[in-house]
């Protein structure tokens, strides 16, 4: 929300929607979380967040941007676990993003959630809008796969391609080059609508369905004209939890007022609050 260089003020929330028979039957959004983080307390905030989640840190982290990502991911994974616990066997739980944690979120948090989905017969699926997977050293894998698929299948085909090895085999950690622990999830690249502009990375922990059945179901959820090729429930939950322009403006106004009440000179407040992105986005 506000990057003061030596401190950040952040706002985030996670949510869940329940979608059945092509209808949204329930929407939940967590209350807005607002936190102030300083450069000096980033490491302790990171450790405390992991401890609250019941896992120990595996790496040190003192960079503010990384802490922000971890706090958001923890909120999302809490929602994913709750959804799996509430779902019935044969349901699908969709997650925005990869089913593999980022570099500073321990596997000990995520792997039990994968196992819970398997134990309950739930298909857990993550769809990544901007994948960091690479072909070789530089080429974006999703774009490379899509180009090859269009050459072989034509420009209007729906398709999916699995890009990882056998389930349960160790994988190389893309961030460190180290051998990572075995995962229950498979990684695919898929185009879910014949007229869709995008292909996506799709992670899947398959509890009940074979890949063909699972991707047929995902394709059926991805035919909304406004979000063609992207599962509608994920688009809807994004709308539910995203911070709209007027809400961000209200939060910035309240923050400015708090600075002034604390006695910060108005010129200094202007410098702290200044963000060239607001000029570009105007």
Protein backbone atom coordinates (compact mmCIF):
# COMPACT_ATOMS: atom_id res chain seq x y z
CA UNK A 1 0.00 0.00 0.00
CA UNK A 2 2.65 2.53 1.07
CA UNK A 3 6.39 2.02 0.62
CA UNK A 4 8.22 4.43 2.92
CA UNK A 5 11.57 2.76 2.07
CA UNK A 6 12.50 2.13 5.72
CA UNK A 7 8.94 1.04 6.51
CA UNK A 8 5.87 -0.27 4.72
CA UNK A 9 2.20 0.08 5.55
CA UNK A 10 0.36 -2.83 3.98
CA UNK A 11 -3.25 -3.90 3.60
CA UNK A 12 -4.41 -7.33 2.47
CA UNK A 13 -7.21 -9.87 2.82
CA UNK A 14 -8.03 -13.36 1.61
CA UNK A 15 -11.38 -14.89 0.77
CA UNK A 16 -13.26 -17.98 -0.33
CA UNK A 17 -16.23 -18.51 -2.61
CA UNK A 18 -18.33 -21.63 -2.99
CA UNK A 19 -19.44 -22.39 -6.52
CA UNK A 20 -21.85 -25.20 -7.38
CA UNK A 21 -23.80 -26.05 -10.52
CA UNK A 22 -22.43 -22.93 -12.27
CA UNK A 23 -23.68 -20.65 -9.50
CA UNK A 24 -21.87 -18.84 -6.70
CA UNK A 25 -23.70 -19.96 -3.56
CA UNK A 26 -21.57 -18.30 -0.88
CA UNK A 27 -18.90 -15.60 -0.63
CA UNK A 28 -16.54 -14.98 2.29
CA UNK A 29 -13.93 -12.24 2.66
CA UNK A 30 -11.72 -11.86 5.70
CA UNK A 31 -11.63 -8.47 7.41
CA UNK A 32 -9.00 -6.16 5.99
CA UNK A 33 -5.62 -6.60 7.70
CA UNK A 34 -3.51 -3.44 7.99
CA UNK A 35 0.04 -3.63 9.32
CA UNK A 36 3.03 -1.32 9.64
CA UNK A 37 6.38 -3.05 9.10
CA UNK A 38 9.80 -1.51 9.60
CA UNK A 39 13.08 -2.66 8.14
CA UNK A 40 14.37 -3.45 11.63
CA UNK A 41 11.48 -5.73 12.66
CA UNK A 42 11.00 -7.58 9.35
CA UNK A 43 12.92 -10.65 10.51
CA UNK A 44 11.04 -10.99 13.79
CA UNK A 45 7.68 -10.46 12.06
CA UNK A 46 8.57 -13.24 9.59
CA UNK A 47 9.52 -15.65 12.39
CA UNK A 48 6.38 -14.82 14.37
CA UNK A 49 4.13 -15.34 11.36
CA UNK A 50 5.58 -18.81 10.73
CA UNK A 51 5.38 -19.70 14.41
CA UNK A 52 1.70 -18.71 14.47
CA UNK A 53 1.20 -21.06 11.50
CA UNK A 54 2.89 -23.90 13.42
CA UNK A 55 6.05 -24.22 11.32
CA UNK A 56 9.67 -23.27 11.90
CA UNK A 57 11.55 -21.00 9.53
CA UNK A 58 14.07 -22.69 7.26
CA UNK A 59 15.72 -19.52 5.96
CA UNK A 60 16.35 -16.03 7.24
CA UNK A 61 14.37 -13.17 5.79
CA UNK A 62 14.80 -9.51 6.59
CA UNK A 63 13.57 -7.87 3.38
CA UNK A 64 10.27 -6.08 3.73
CA UNK A 65 8.84 -7.06 0.36
CA UNK A 66 9.41 -10.74 1.14
CA UNK A 67 7.63 -10.43 4.49
CA UNK A 68 4.61 -8.92 2.75
CA UNK A 69 4.47 -11.86 0.33
CA UNK A 70 4.75 -14.38 3.17
CA UNK A 71 1.93 -12.78 5.19
CA UNK A 72 -0.36 -12.81 2.17
CA UNK A 73 0.52 -16.41 1.27
CA UNK A 74 -0.09 -17.59 4.84
CA UNK A 75 -3.57 -16.05 4.78
CA UNK A 76 -4.32 -17.76 1.47
CA UNK A 77 -3.07 -21.17 2.64
CA UNK A 78 -5.20 -20.93 5.80
CA UNK A 79 -8.18 -20.42 3.54
CA UNK A 80 -7.18 -23.37 1.36
CA UNK A 81 -6.96 -25.70 4.37
CA UNK A 82 -10.34 -24.53 5.68
CA UNK A 83 -11.92 -25.08 2.25
CA UNK A 84 -10.52 -28.63 2.03
CA UNK A 85 -11.80 -29.42 5.53
CA UNK A 86 -15.27 -28.21 4.61
CA UNK A 87 -15.40 -29.76 1.11
CA UNK A 88 -16.96 -33.14 0.33
CA UNK A 89 -15.12 -36.00 -1.42
CA UNK A 90 -15.05 -35.33 -5.15
CA UNK A 91 -15.10 -31.52 -4.76
CA UNK A 92 -12.46 -29.30 -6.32
CA UNK A 93 -10.66 -26.61 -4.32
CA UNK A 94 -9.14 -23.90 -6.51
CA UNK A 95 -6.23 -21.75 -5.33
CA UNK A 96 -4.93 -18.56 -6.92
CA UNK A 97 -1.27 -19.33 -7.63
CA UNK A 98 1.11 -22.23 -7.41
CA UNK A 99 0.66 -25.16 -5.03
CA UNK A 100 4.41 -24.98 -4.38
CA UNK A 101 5.34 -22.37 -1.75
CA UNK A 102 7.51 -19.36 -2.46
CA UNK A 103 11.18 -19.41 -1.45
CA UNK A 104 10.56 -18.29 2.14
CA UNK A 105 7.46 -20.34 2.96
CA UNK A 106 8.51 -23.76 4.36
CA UNK A 107 7.36 -26.92 2.64
CA UNK A 108 6.30 -28.14 6.11
CA UNK A 109 3.33 -25.78 5.87
CA UNK A 110 2.13 -26.80 2.41
CA UNK A 111 2.81 -30.54 2.14
CA UNK A 112 0.32 -31.46 4.93
CA UNK A 113 -2.37 -29.47 3.09
CA UNK A 114 -1.64 -31.48 -0.06
CA UNK A 115 -1.93 -34.69 1.97
CA UNK A 116 -5.19 -33.53 3.56
CA UNK A 117 -6.68 -33.08 0.08
CA UNK A 118 -5.59 -36.59 -0.91
CA UNK A 119 -6.94 -38.10 2.30
CA UNK A 120 -10.33 -36.45 1.79
CA UNK A 121 -10.60 -37.25 -1.92
CA UNK A 122 -10.43 -33.56 -2.91
CA UNK A 123 -8.85 -32.30 -6.13
CA UNK A 124 -6.66 -29.33 -5.12
CA UNK A 125 -5.78 -27.11 -8.09
CA UNK A 126 -3.68 -23.96 -8.31
CA UNK A 127 -3.78 -21.68 -11.36
CA UNK A 128 -0.90 -19.23 -11.81
CA UNK A 129 -1.56 -16.09 -13.83
CA UNK A 130 2.12 -15.16 -14.26
CA UNK A 131 4.35 -18.23 -14.14
CA UNK A 132 8.11 -18.03 -13.46
CA UNK A 133 8.76 -21.43 -15.04
CA UNK A 134 11.52 -21.29 -17.65
CA UNK A 135 12.51 -23.40 -20.65
CA UNK A 136 16.26 -23.57 -20.37
CA UNK A 137 17.65 -20.46 -18.74
CA UNK A 138 15.54 -17.64 -20.09
CA UNK A 139 12.56 -18.64 -22.25
CA UNK A 140 9.17 -18.51 -20.46
CA UNK A 141 7.94 -22.11 -20.41
CA UNK A 142 4.21 -21.34 -20.71
CA UNK A 143 4.73 -19.27 -23.86
CA UNK A 144 7.06 -21.89 -25.33
CA UNK A 145 4.55 -24.69 -24.73
CA UNK A 146 1.70 -22.62 -26.15
CA UNK A 147 3.59 -21.85 -29.35
CA UNK A 148 4.43 -25.53 -29.83
CA UNK A 149 0.82 -26.55 -29.14
CA UNK A 150 -0.50 -24.08 -31.71
CA UNK A 151 1.93 -25.47 -34.30
CA UNK A 152 0.87 -29.07 -33.66
CA UNK A 153 -2.82 -28.76 -32.68
CA UNK A 154 -3.88 -25.53 -34.36
CA UNK A 155 -4.70 -22.10 -32.90
CA UNK A 156 -8.17 -22.97 -31.56
CA UNK A 157 -7.49 -26.16 -29.60
CA UNK A 158 -7.89 -26.71 -25.87
CA UNK A 159 -5.06 -28.74 -24.40
CA UNK A 160 -2.99 -29.56 -21.34
CA UNK A 161 0.58 -30.79 -20.98
CA UNK A 162 2.20 -32.20 -17.86
CA UNK A 163 5.67 -30.70 -17.35
CA UNK A 164 6.91 -32.42 -14.15
CA UNK A 165 8.14 -35.93 -13.48
CA UNK A 166 6.46 -38.72 -11.57
CA UNK A 167 4.57 -37.91 -8.39
CA UNK A 168 6.62 -38.37 -5.25
CA UNK A 169 10.01 -37.91 -6.89
CA UNK A 170 12.29 -35.12 -5.63
CA UNK A 171 12.32 -31.92 -7.66
CA UNK A 172 15.01 -29.27 -8.02
CA UNK A 173 14.15 -26.12 -6.08
CA UNK A 174 14.00 -23.37 -8.77
CA UNK A 175 15.15 -20.73 -6.28
CA UNK A 176 18.24 -22.44 -4.84
CA UNK A 177 19.09 -25.30 -7.19
CA UNK A 178 18.83 -27.67 -4.22
CA UNK A 179 16.90 -30.94 -4.33
CA UNK A 180 13.48 -30.23 -2.86
CA UNK A 181 11.36 -32.78 -0.98
CA UNK A 182 8.92 -34.98 -2.91
CA UNK A 183 5.64 -33.31 -3.79
CA UNK A 184 2.18 -34.73 -4.30
CA UNK A 185 1.39 -32.07 -6.89
CA UNK A 186 1.78 -32.27 -10.65
CA UNK A 187 2.55 -29.22 -12.78
CA UNK A 188 0.83 -28.67 -16.12
CA UNK A 189 0.55 -25.99 -18.75
CA UNK A 190 -2.99 -25.71 -20.11
CA UNK A 191 -5.19 -23.69 -22.41
CA UNK A 192 -8.71 -24.02 -21.03
CA UNK A 193 -10.74 -22.28 -23.76
CA UNK A 194 -10.40 -22.62 -27.52
CA UNK A 195 -10.73 -18.86 -27.96
CA UNK A 196 -8.86 -17.96 -24.79
CA UNK A 197 -5.98 -15.55 -25.16
CA UNK A 198 -3.91 -17.10 -22.36
CA UNK A 199 -2.45 -20.42 -21.33
CA UNK A 200 -1.67 -20.96 -17.64
CA UNK A 201 0.49 -22.99 -15.32
CA UNK A 202 -1.86 -25.37 -13.48
CA UNK A 203 -0.75 -27.31 -10.39
CA UNK A 204 -2.87 -30.27 -9.32
CA UNK A 205 -3.06 -32.60 -6.35
CA UNK A 206 -5.51 -35.11 -7.79
CA UNK A 207 -7.70 -36.67 -5.17
CA UNK A 208 -10.31 -38.37 -7.37
CA UNK A 209 -10.05 -37.42 -11.05
CA UNK A 210 -7.78 -38.47 -13.86
CA UNK A 211 -6.13 -35.57 -15.70
CA UNK A 212 -8.52 -35.67 -18.68
CA UNK A 213 -11.57 -35.51 -16.41
CA UNK A 214 -10.05 -32.79 -14.24
CA UNK A 215 -9.14 -30.54 -17.15
CA UNK A 216 -12.56 -31.04 -18.74
CA UNK A 217 -14.07 -29.77 -15.49
CA UNK A 218 -11.68 -26.79 -15.42
CA UNK A 219 -12.53 -25.98 -19.04
CA UNK A 220 -16.23 -25.97 -18.12
CA UNK A 221 -15.48 -23.38 -15.42
CA UNK A 222 -13.50 -21.21 -17.84
CA UNK A 223 -16.12 -20.20 -20.39
CA UNK A 224 -17.28 -16.89 -18.91
CA UNK A 225 -16.85 -14.30 -21.72
CA UNK A 226 -15.32 -11.74 -19.35
CA UNK A 227 -12.56 -14.14 -18.21
CA UNK A 228 -12.41 -16.58 -21.10
CA UNK A 229 -9.91 -19.35 -20.44
CA UNK A 230 -9.59 -18.65 -16.69
CA UNK A 231 -11.71 -20.45 -14.06
CA UNK A 232 -14.60 -18.18 -13.14
CA UNK A 233 -14.56 -18.99 -9.38
CA UNK A 234 -10.99 -17.69 -9.13
CA UNK A 235 -11.92 -14.55 -11.05
CA UNK A 236 -14.87 -14.02 -8.72
CA UNK A 237 -12.86 -14.43 -5.51
CA UNK A 238 -10.31 -11.96 -6.89
CA UNK A 239 -13.12 -9.43 -7.26
CA UNK A 240 -14.33 -10.14 -3.72
CA UNK A 241 -10.97 -9.56 -1.98
CA UNK A 242 -9.26 -7.00 -4.22
CA UNK A 243 -8.83 -3.50 -2.88
CA UNK A 244 -10.74 -1.13 -5.11
CA UNK A 245 -9.48 2.30 -6.06
CA UNK A 246 -11.87 4.16 -3.76
CA UNK A 247 -10.96 1.91 -0.81
CA UNK A 248 -7.25 2.52 -1.37
CA UNK A 249 -7.92 6.25 -1.60
CA UNK A 250 -9.80 6.12 1.71
CA UNK A 251 -6.96 4.19 3.35
CA UNK A 252 -4.36 6.68 2.11
CA UNK A 253 -6.47 9.58 3.39
CA UNK A 254 -6.79 7.96 6.82
CA UNK A 255 -3.06 7.25 6.92
CA UNK A 256 -2.26 10.84 6.01
CA UNK A 257 -4.50 12.04 8.82
CA UNK A 258 -2.73 9.71 11.28
CA UNK A 259 0.68 11.10 10.28
CA UNK A 260 -0.52 14.66 10.83
CA UNK A 261 -2.06 13.83 14.22
CA UNK A 262 1.29 12.41 15.30
CA UNK A 263 2.90 15.76 14.53
CA UNK A 264 4.69 14.96 11.26
CA UNK A 265 5.06 18.18 9.23
CA UNK A 266 2.79 18.38 6.20
CA UNK A 267 5.72 18.68 3.78
CA UNK A 268 7.21 15.48 5.20
CA UNK A 269 3.85 13.73 4.92
CA UNK A 270 3.71 14.72 1.26
CA UNK A 271 7.17 13.24 0.68
CA UNK A 272 6.31 9.98 2.45
CA UNK A 273 2.98 9.58 0.68
CA UNK A 274 4.29 10.49 -2.76
CA UNK A 275 4.09 7.58 -5.23
CA UNK A 276 4.80 8.04 -8.95
CA UNK A 277 2.65 4.97 -9.70
CA UNK A 278 -0.37 7.12 -8.80
CA UNK A 279 0.67 9.60 -11.49
CA UNK A 280 1.14 6.85 -14.06
CA UNK A 281 -2.22 5.26 -13.20
CA UNK A 282 -4.19 8.51 -13.25
